[in-house]
N, C-alpha and C. Protein backbone atom coordinates (compact mmCIF):
# COMPACT_ATOMS: atom_id res chain seq x y z
N MET A 1 106.22 133.92 52.96
CA MET A 1 106.66 133.12 54.08
C MET A 1 106.11 133.67 55.39
N ARG A 2 105.94 134.96 55.48
CA ARG A 2 105.40 135.55 56.71
C ARG A 2 103.99 135.06 57.03
N PRO A 3 103.05 135.00 56.07
CA PRO A 3 101.71 134.51 56.39
C PRO A 3 101.72 133.10 56.95
N ILE A 4 102.59 132.24 56.46
CA ILE A 4 102.68 130.87 56.97
C ILE A 4 103.16 130.89 58.41
N LEU A 5 104.17 131.70 58.70
CA LEU A 5 104.69 131.81 60.06
C LEU A 5 103.60 132.30 61.01
N ILE A 6 102.84 133.29 60.60
CA ILE A 6 101.75 133.81 61.43
C ILE A 6 100.70 132.74 61.68
N ILE A 7 100.34 131.98 60.66
CA ILE A 7 99.35 130.91 60.82
C ILE A 7 99.88 129.85 61.77
N VAL A 8 101.14 129.48 61.63
CA VAL A 8 101.74 128.48 62.52
C VAL A 8 101.73 128.99 63.96
N LEU A 9 102.14 130.24 64.15
CA LEU A 9 102.16 130.81 65.51
C LEU A 9 100.77 130.88 66.11
N LEU A 10 99.77 131.28 65.33
CA LEU A 10 98.40 131.33 65.83
C LEU A 10 97.90 129.93 66.18
N THR A 11 98.24 128.95 65.38
CA THR A 11 97.82 127.56 65.66
C THR A 11 98.44 127.08 66.96
N VAL A 12 99.73 127.33 67.15
CA VAL A 12 100.42 126.92 68.38
C VAL A 12 99.81 127.64 69.57
N ALA A 13 99.57 128.94 69.46
CA ALA A 13 98.98 129.70 70.57
C ALA A 13 97.59 129.18 70.90
N ALA A 14 96.77 128.90 69.91
CA ALA A 14 95.42 128.39 70.16
C ALA A 14 95.47 127.02 70.81
N THR A 15 96.41 126.18 70.39
CA THR A 15 96.54 124.85 70.96
C THR A 15 96.95 124.94 72.42
N ALA A 16 97.81 125.89 72.76
CA ALA A 16 98.27 126.02 74.14
C ALA A 16 97.13 126.43 75.07
N VAL A 17 96.15 127.15 74.58
CA VAL A 17 95.05 127.64 75.40
C VAL A 17 94.04 126.53 75.67
N ILE A 18 93.83 125.65 74.70
CA ILE A 18 92.85 124.59 74.84
C ILE A 18 93.42 123.49 75.73
N ALA A 19 92.75 123.21 76.82
CA ALA A 19 93.20 122.19 77.76
C ALA A 19 92.21 121.04 77.77
N ALA A 20 92.73 119.88 78.07
CA ALA A 20 91.86 118.71 78.20
C ALA A 20 90.93 118.93 79.39
N PRO A 21 89.72 118.41 79.31
CA PRO A 21 88.82 118.56 80.47
C PRO A 21 89.39 117.87 81.70
N LEU A 22 89.17 118.46 82.84
CA LEU A 22 89.61 117.85 84.09
C LEU A 22 88.72 116.67 84.47
N LEU A 23 87.45 116.73 84.09
CA LEU A 23 86.50 115.66 84.38
C LEU A 23 86.18 114.95 83.06
N PRO A 24 86.82 113.81 82.82
CA PRO A 24 86.65 113.15 81.53
C PRO A 24 85.27 112.55 81.33
N ALA A 25 84.90 112.35 80.08
CA ALA A 25 83.56 111.85 79.74
C ALA A 25 83.39 110.36 80.04
N ASN A 26 84.46 109.60 80.16
CA ASN A 26 84.36 108.15 80.33
C ASN A 26 84.26 107.69 81.79
N TYR A 27 83.89 108.57 82.69
CA TYR A 27 83.90 108.25 84.12
C TYR A 27 82.90 107.15 84.52
N ALA A 28 81.85 106.93 83.76
CA ALA A 28 80.80 105.97 84.18
C ALA A 28 81.34 104.54 84.27
N SER A 29 82.49 104.28 83.68
CA SER A 29 83.09 102.94 83.77
C SER A 29 83.98 102.80 85.01
N TRP A 30 84.16 103.87 85.77
CA TRP A 30 85.01 103.84 86.95
C TRP A 30 84.33 103.10 88.09
N ASP A 31 85.12 102.76 89.10
CA ASP A 31 84.57 102.15 90.31
C ASP A 31 83.79 103.17 91.12
N ARG A 32 82.91 102.65 91.95
CA ARG A 32 82.14 103.52 92.86
C ARG A 32 82.59 103.24 94.28
N PRO A 33 83.04 104.27 95.00
CA PRO A 33 83.54 104.06 96.36
C PRO A 33 82.45 103.75 97.39
N THR A 34 81.21 103.98 97.03
CA THR A 34 80.12 103.64 97.94
C THR A 34 78.89 103.24 97.14
N ALA A 35 78.16 102.29 97.70
CA ALA A 35 76.88 101.89 97.10
C ALA A 35 75.72 102.56 97.82
N ILE A 36 76.04 103.40 98.80
CA ILE A 36 75.02 104.10 99.57
C ILE A 36 74.23 105.03 98.63
N THR A 37 72.92 105.03 98.79
CA THR A 37 72.07 105.94 98.02
C THR A 37 72.21 107.33 98.62
N LEU A 38 72.71 108.26 97.82
CA LEU A 38 72.94 109.62 98.30
C LEU A 38 71.77 110.49 97.89
N ASN A 39 70.66 110.29 98.58
CA ASN A 39 69.42 111.01 98.25
C ASN A 39 68.98 111.91 99.41
N PHE A 40 69.96 112.55 100.02
CA PHE A 40 69.67 113.47 101.12
C PHE A 40 70.45 114.76 100.86
N ALA A 41 69.89 115.85 101.32
CA ALA A 41 70.53 117.15 101.10
C ALA A 41 71.78 117.28 101.95
N ILE A 42 72.82 117.89 101.38
CA ILE A 42 74.04 118.19 102.12
C ILE A 42 74.53 119.58 101.71
N PRO A 43 75.23 120.25 102.60
CA PRO A 43 75.75 121.57 102.25
C PRO A 43 76.64 121.49 101.01
N GLY A 44 76.55 122.46 100.15
CA GLY A 44 77.39 122.53 98.96
C GLY A 44 76.84 121.78 97.76
N HIS A 45 76.05 120.74 98.01
CA HIS A 45 75.48 119.96 96.90
C HIS A 45 73.96 119.99 96.92
N LEU A 46 73.44 120.73 97.86
CA LEU A 46 72.01 121.04 97.94
C LEU A 46 71.12 119.81 97.86
N GLU A 47 70.00 119.97 97.22
CA GLU A 47 68.99 118.91 97.16
C GLU A 47 69.12 118.15 95.86
N ASN A 48 70.24 117.44 95.73
CA ASN A 48 70.48 116.66 94.54
C ASN A 48 70.82 115.22 94.88
N TYR A 49 70.22 114.30 94.14
CA TYR A 49 70.61 112.89 94.20
C TYR A 49 72.02 112.81 93.62
N ARG A 50 72.92 112.05 94.26
CA ARG A 50 74.31 112.00 93.83
C ARG A 50 74.81 110.58 93.67
N VAL A 51 75.70 110.40 92.70
CA VAL A 51 76.39 109.14 92.47
C VAL A 51 77.88 109.46 92.36
N ILE A 52 78.72 108.73 93.11
CA ILE A 52 80.15 109.02 93.16
C ILE A 52 80.93 107.96 92.39
N TYR A 53 81.95 108.42 91.67
CA TYR A 53 82.85 107.55 90.91
C TYR A 53 84.29 107.88 91.28
N LEU A 54 85.17 106.88 91.17
CA LEU A 54 86.59 107.03 91.49
C LEU A 54 87.42 106.43 90.36
N ASN A 55 88.37 107.21 89.84
CA ASN A 55 89.18 106.69 88.74
C ASN A 55 90.17 105.63 89.22
N ARG A 56 90.82 104.97 88.27
CA ARG A 56 91.73 103.86 88.58
C ARG A 56 92.86 104.30 89.50
N VAL A 57 93.41 105.49 89.28
CA VAL A 57 94.50 105.99 90.13
C VAL A 57 94.04 106.03 91.59
N GLY A 58 92.83 106.50 91.82
CA GLY A 58 92.31 106.60 93.18
C GLY A 58 92.14 105.26 93.87
N THR A 59 91.89 104.22 93.09
CA THR A 59 91.71 102.89 93.70
C THR A 59 93.03 102.29 94.16
N THR A 60 94.14 102.95 93.85
CA THR A 60 95.44 102.45 94.31
C THR A 60 95.84 103.03 95.67
N VAL A 61 94.98 103.87 96.25
CA VAL A 61 95.29 104.49 97.54
C VAL A 61 95.57 103.39 98.58
N GLN A 62 96.61 103.60 99.35
CA GLN A 62 96.96 102.68 100.42
C GLN A 62 97.03 103.45 101.72
N PRO A 63 96.07 103.20 102.62
CA PRO A 63 96.14 103.92 103.90
C PRO A 63 97.42 103.55 104.63
N SER A 64 97.98 104.53 105.32
CA SER A 64 99.18 104.30 106.11
C SER A 64 98.85 104.55 107.58
N SER A 65 99.81 104.31 108.43
CA SER A 65 99.62 104.56 109.85
C SER A 65 100.63 105.61 110.28
N VAL A 66 100.13 106.67 110.87
CA VAL A 66 100.98 107.75 111.38
C VAL A 66 100.63 107.96 112.83
N SER A 67 101.60 107.74 113.71
CA SER A 67 101.39 107.88 115.15
C SER A 67 100.20 107.06 115.63
N GLY A 68 100.05 105.86 115.07
CA GLY A 68 98.99 104.96 115.49
C GLY A 68 97.62 105.26 114.90
N LYS A 69 97.52 106.24 114.01
CA LYS A 69 96.24 106.58 113.37
C LYS A 69 96.32 106.31 111.88
N VAL A 70 95.23 105.82 111.34
CA VAL A 70 95.16 105.57 109.90
C VAL A 70 95.12 106.90 109.16
N ARG A 71 95.84 106.95 108.06
CA ARG A 71 95.90 108.18 107.25
C ARG A 71 95.73 107.79 105.78
N TRP A 72 94.81 108.48 105.11
CA TRP A 72 94.55 108.26 103.69
C TRP A 72 95.10 109.45 102.92
N ASP A 73 96.07 109.21 102.06
CA ASP A 73 96.60 110.24 101.17
C ASP A 73 96.44 109.72 99.75
N TYR A 74 95.49 110.28 99.04
CA TYR A 74 95.23 109.82 97.67
C TYR A 74 96.37 110.24 96.75
N PRO A 75 96.75 109.38 95.79
CA PRO A 75 97.86 109.72 94.89
C PRO A 75 97.49 110.81 93.89
N LYS A 76 98.51 111.52 93.45
CA LYS A 76 98.33 112.53 92.42
C LYS A 76 97.69 111.87 91.20
N GLY A 77 96.72 112.55 90.61
CA GLY A 77 96.01 112.00 89.45
C GLY A 77 94.68 111.36 89.81
N THR A 78 94.42 111.20 91.11
CA THR A 78 93.12 110.69 91.54
C THR A 78 92.04 111.66 91.12
N ILE A 79 90.93 111.12 90.62
CA ILE A 79 89.75 111.94 90.33
C ILE A 79 88.56 111.29 91.02
N ILE A 80 87.89 112.06 91.84
CA ILE A 80 86.64 111.64 92.45
C ILE A 80 85.57 112.50 91.81
N LEU A 81 84.62 111.87 91.16
CA LEU A 81 83.60 112.59 90.42
C LEU A 81 82.24 112.27 90.99
N LYS A 82 81.45 113.30 91.18
CA LYS A 82 80.11 113.14 91.75
C LYS A 82 79.09 113.68 90.75
N GLU A 83 78.20 112.79 90.29
CA GLU A 83 77.08 113.23 89.46
C GLU A 83 76.02 113.82 90.37
N ALA A 84 75.40 114.90 89.94
CA ALA A 84 74.28 115.50 90.68
C ALA A 84 73.08 115.57 89.75
N TYR A 85 71.98 115.01 90.22
CA TYR A 85 70.73 114.99 89.45
C TYR A 85 69.74 115.97 90.05
N ALA A 86 68.80 116.41 89.25
CA ALA A 86 67.76 117.32 89.73
C ALA A 86 66.90 116.59 90.76
N GLY A 87 66.77 117.17 91.92
CA GLY A 87 65.93 116.59 92.97
C GLY A 87 66.61 115.45 93.70
N LEU A 88 65.93 114.95 94.73
CA LEU A 88 66.48 113.88 95.56
C LEU A 88 65.97 112.48 95.20
N GLN A 89 65.03 112.41 94.26
CA GLN A 89 64.49 111.11 93.88
C GLN A 89 65.48 110.37 92.99
N THR A 90 65.40 109.04 93.03
CA THR A 90 66.23 108.23 92.14
C THR A 90 65.95 108.64 90.70
N PRO A 91 66.99 108.96 89.95
CA PRO A 91 66.76 109.41 88.57
C PRO A 91 66.15 108.30 87.71
N ALA A 92 65.36 108.70 86.74
CA ALA A 92 64.78 107.74 85.79
C ALA A 92 65.91 107.11 84.98
N LYS A 93 65.69 105.91 84.53
CA LYS A 93 66.69 105.23 83.70
C LYS A 93 67.00 106.10 82.49
N GLY A 94 68.28 106.31 82.23
CA GLY A 94 68.70 107.14 81.11
C GLY A 94 68.79 108.62 81.41
N ALA A 95 68.40 109.03 82.63
CA ALA A 95 68.47 110.45 82.99
C ALA A 95 69.93 110.90 83.02
N LYS A 96 70.14 112.13 82.68
CA LYS A 96 71.49 112.71 82.69
C LYS A 96 71.64 113.63 83.90
N PRO A 97 72.82 113.64 84.49
CA PRO A 97 73.04 114.57 85.61
C PRO A 97 72.98 116.02 85.13
N ILE A 98 72.68 116.92 86.07
CA ILE A 98 72.66 118.34 85.72
C ILE A 98 74.03 118.98 85.94
N LYS A 99 74.81 118.42 86.86
CA LYS A 99 76.15 118.92 87.14
C LYS A 99 77.05 117.76 87.51
N LEU A 100 78.33 117.99 87.31
CA LEU A 100 79.36 117.07 87.78
C LEU A 100 80.26 117.85 88.73
N TYR A 101 80.52 117.27 89.89
CA TYR A 101 81.45 117.86 90.84
C TYR A 101 82.67 116.96 90.87
N GLY A 102 83.84 117.54 90.89
CA GLY A 102 85.04 116.72 90.89
C GLY A 102 86.10 117.21 91.83
N MET A 103 86.83 116.25 92.37
CA MET A 103 88.04 116.50 93.13
C MET A 103 89.16 115.87 92.31
N VAL A 104 90.13 116.67 91.91
CA VAL A 104 91.25 116.19 91.10
C VAL A 104 92.51 116.41 91.91
N LYS A 105 93.18 115.32 92.29
CA LYS A 105 94.37 115.43 93.14
C LYS A 105 95.54 115.96 92.31
N ASP A 106 95.95 117.17 92.62
CA ASP A 106 97.04 117.83 91.89
C ASP A 106 97.73 118.81 92.85
N PRO A 107 98.47 118.26 93.83
CA PRO A 107 99.01 119.11 94.90
C PRO A 107 99.94 120.22 94.43
N GLY A 108 100.58 120.08 93.28
CA GLY A 108 101.50 121.10 92.80
C GLY A 108 100.81 122.24 92.05
N ASN A 109 99.53 122.11 91.79
CA ASN A 109 98.82 123.12 91.04
C ASN A 109 98.53 124.32 91.94
N PRO A 110 98.85 125.54 91.49
CA PRO A 110 98.61 126.71 92.34
C PRO A 110 97.14 126.94 92.69
N LYS A 111 96.22 126.38 91.92
CA LYS A 111 94.79 126.54 92.22
C LYS A 111 94.28 125.47 93.19
N ALA A 112 95.12 124.50 93.53
CA ALA A 112 94.70 123.41 94.42
C ALA A 112 94.54 123.93 95.85
N LYS A 113 93.53 123.40 96.51
CA LYS A 113 93.29 123.67 97.93
C LYS A 113 93.30 122.32 98.64
N GLY A 114 94.18 122.17 99.62
CA GLY A 114 94.30 120.89 100.30
C GLY A 114 94.81 119.79 99.37
N GLY A 115 95.53 120.19 98.32
CA GLY A 115 96.08 119.21 97.37
C GLY A 115 95.13 118.84 96.24
N TRP A 116 93.90 119.37 96.28
CA TRP A 116 92.88 119.01 95.29
C TRP A 116 92.45 120.23 94.50
N LEU A 117 92.15 120.00 93.20
CA LEU A 117 91.42 120.97 92.41
C LEU A 117 89.96 120.66 92.62
N TRP A 118 89.15 121.66 92.86
CA TRP A 118 87.72 121.50 93.12
C TRP A 118 86.99 122.00 91.88
N VAL A 119 86.37 121.10 91.14
CA VAL A 119 85.84 121.40 89.82
C VAL A 119 84.34 121.18 89.77
N VAL A 120 83.64 122.08 89.10
CA VAL A 120 82.21 121.91 88.82
C VAL A 120 82.06 122.00 87.31
N LYS A 121 81.32 121.05 86.75
CA LYS A 121 81.08 121.05 85.31
C LYS A 121 79.58 121.13 85.06
N ASP A 122 79.18 122.12 84.29
CA ASP A 122 77.80 122.24 83.85
C ASP A 122 77.63 121.27 82.68
N VAL A 123 76.81 120.26 82.85
CA VAL A 123 76.67 119.22 81.83
C VAL A 123 76.11 119.79 80.53
N ALA A 124 75.18 120.72 80.61
CA ALA A 124 74.55 121.28 79.41
C ALA A 124 75.54 122.07 78.56
N THR A 125 76.36 122.89 79.22
CA THR A 125 77.30 123.73 78.46
C THR A 125 78.69 123.11 78.35
N LYS A 126 78.95 122.08 79.15
CA LYS A 126 80.26 121.42 79.23
C LYS A 126 81.35 122.34 79.81
N LYS A 127 80.93 123.46 80.38
CA LYS A 127 81.89 124.39 80.98
C LYS A 127 82.34 123.89 82.35
N GLU A 128 83.66 123.85 82.54
CA GLU A 128 84.23 123.47 83.82
C GLU A 128 84.72 124.73 84.54
N THR A 129 84.50 124.76 85.84
CA THR A 129 84.96 125.86 86.67
C THR A 129 85.77 125.29 87.82
N ILE A 130 86.97 125.82 88.02
CA ILE A 130 87.77 125.43 89.19
C ILE A 130 87.46 126.42 90.30
N TYR A 131 87.04 125.90 91.44
CA TYR A 131 86.77 126.75 92.59
C TYR A 131 88.06 126.89 93.38
N ASP A 132 88.61 128.09 93.40
CA ASP A 132 89.84 128.28 94.15
C ASP A 132 89.60 129.04 95.46
N SER A 133 88.33 129.15 95.84
CA SER A 133 88.03 129.72 97.15
C SER A 133 88.12 128.59 98.18
N ALA A 134 87.97 128.92 99.42
CA ALA A 134 88.06 127.93 100.50
C ALA A 134 86.75 127.17 100.71
N PHE A 135 85.69 127.51 99.98
CA PHE A 135 84.37 126.93 100.23
C PHE A 135 84.40 125.39 100.25
N CYS A 136 84.93 124.77 99.21
CA CYS A 136 84.90 123.30 99.10
C CYS A 136 85.80 122.65 100.16
N ILE A 137 87.04 123.11 100.26
CA ILE A 137 87.97 122.48 101.20
C ILE A 137 87.53 122.68 102.64
N ASP A 138 86.91 123.82 102.95
CA ASP A 138 86.43 124.02 104.31
C ASP A 138 85.44 122.93 104.70
N CYS A 139 84.49 122.63 103.84
CA CYS A 139 83.50 121.61 104.14
C CYS A 139 84.13 120.21 104.13
N HIS A 140 84.95 119.93 103.12
CA HIS A 140 85.55 118.60 103.00
C HIS A 140 86.59 118.32 104.08
N SER A 141 87.10 119.34 104.74
CA SER A 141 88.04 119.09 105.84
C SER A 141 87.36 118.33 106.97
N TYR A 142 86.04 118.45 107.08
CA TYR A 142 85.30 117.72 108.11
C TYR A 142 85.27 116.21 107.85
N ALA A 143 85.61 115.79 106.64
CA ALA A 143 85.69 114.36 106.36
C ALA A 143 86.82 113.72 107.16
N ASN A 144 87.77 114.53 107.62
CA ASN A 144 88.90 114.05 108.40
C ASN A 144 88.58 113.94 109.89
N LEU A 145 87.36 114.23 110.25
CA LEU A 145 86.90 114.16 111.64
C LEU A 145 85.71 113.19 111.71
N LYS A 146 85.24 112.91 112.90
CA LYS A 146 83.99 112.16 113.01
C LYS A 146 82.89 113.01 112.36
N HIS A 147 82.03 112.36 111.57
CA HIS A 147 80.99 113.10 110.87
C HIS A 147 79.75 112.23 110.71
N GLN A 148 78.72 112.76 110.06
CA GLN A 148 77.44 112.07 109.99
C GLN A 148 77.21 111.27 108.72
N TYR A 149 78.17 111.22 107.80
CA TYR A 149 77.95 110.56 106.52
C TYR A 149 78.66 109.21 106.42
N GLY A 150 78.12 108.32 105.59
CA GLY A 150 78.75 107.03 105.33
C GLY A 150 79.05 106.26 106.59
N ASP A 151 80.33 105.88 106.76
CA ASP A 151 80.72 105.13 107.97
C ASP A 151 80.98 106.06 109.15
N LYS A 152 80.83 107.35 108.94
CA LYS A 152 80.92 108.40 109.97
C LYS A 152 82.34 108.64 110.49
N ASN A 153 83.35 108.00 109.90
CA ASN A 153 84.74 108.17 110.30
C ASN A 153 84.89 108.08 111.82
N PRO A 154 84.52 106.94 112.41
CA PRO A 154 84.45 106.84 113.88
C PRO A 154 85.77 107.06 114.61
N ASN A 155 86.90 106.85 113.92
CA ASN A 155 88.20 107.04 114.57
C ASN A 155 88.87 108.35 114.19
N ALA A 156 88.13 109.23 113.53
CA ALA A 156 88.64 110.54 113.11
C ALA A 156 89.96 110.41 112.35
N GLU A 157 89.99 109.50 111.36
CA GLU A 157 91.16 109.30 110.53
C GLU A 157 91.31 110.46 109.55
N PHE A 158 92.55 110.77 109.18
CA PHE A 158 92.76 111.73 108.11
C PHE A 158 92.39 111.01 106.81
N ARG A 159 91.40 111.56 106.10
CA ARG A 159 90.90 110.92 104.88
C ARG A 159 91.08 111.79 103.65
N ASP A 160 91.97 112.75 103.74
CA ASP A 160 92.30 113.58 102.57
C ASP A 160 91.09 114.32 102.03
N GLY A 161 90.15 114.65 102.93
CA GLY A 161 88.97 115.41 102.53
C GLY A 161 87.90 114.59 101.83
N VAL A 162 87.99 113.26 101.94
CA VAL A 162 87.07 112.37 101.22
C VAL A 162 86.10 111.73 102.21
N TYR A 163 84.82 111.98 102.02
CA TYR A 163 83.79 111.43 102.92
C TYR A 163 83.56 109.94 102.73
N TYR A 164 83.71 109.45 101.51
CA TYR A 164 83.50 108.03 101.21
C TYR A 164 84.79 107.46 100.64
N PRO A 165 85.76 107.09 101.52
CA PRO A 165 87.06 106.62 101.03
C PRO A 165 86.94 105.26 100.34
N TRP A 166 87.96 104.93 99.59
CA TRP A 166 88.02 103.67 98.85
C TRP A 166 88.43 102.55 99.79
N PHE A 167 87.50 101.68 100.10
CA PHE A 167 87.79 100.51 100.94
C PHE A 167 87.98 99.26 100.08
N GLY A 168 88.01 99.42 98.77
CA GLY A 168 88.15 98.29 97.86
C GLY A 168 86.78 97.88 97.31
N LYS A 169 86.85 97.02 96.31
CA LYS A 169 85.58 96.56 95.69
C LYS A 169 84.80 95.73 96.68
N LYS A 170 83.50 95.90 96.65
CA LYS A 170 82.62 95.14 97.55
C LYS A 170 82.10 93.92 96.81
C-alpha cells in the first residue's frame, strides 16, 4: 500500500507544478486592437515586425470617466499578445514569430506590475518567462501620457499601460 501512496503523492505534486501557459496557442483567432503595420523599432521590442492580438475578455473593456478624463481599466483575465518576427519587413506568408510578448491582467498576482503579468515566450522552446522587474511597466506607463505611437493618446488618458487600446471592431 505504501508504494501506491507514494505514486499518488508524486503524481499530485507533479501536477501542482505544471501550470497552464499564460499565452495560449489559440490567440490567432482573437481580435486585433490595431490594423496599423508595426514595422518600426521601439524600445523593448527592438527591430521586430509586430502583430497585436486581444482576447475576448479584453474586448469587454469599458472606458470610464474620472474627474472629466477618460480612463481605461482592462478587466482581470485580459491578455494582450504581441507576435514579434525577425526583422522589420512584413513576414512571408506562413512565417512563424520568433517571440511572443504578453500582458496578462492579474492584479492580485504578486508578480504583477501595474496589475499586469509581463510575459515573454520563446516560440522555439515554448518557454515562458514572467518579467517581474520594472523594465516593462516603466516603458508601458508612457502609454498613459501623450506619446508617439498609434493615435498618440492626445488627451493623456489613463490607458492601463496599453499603447493601442480597444476601440471596438473596425
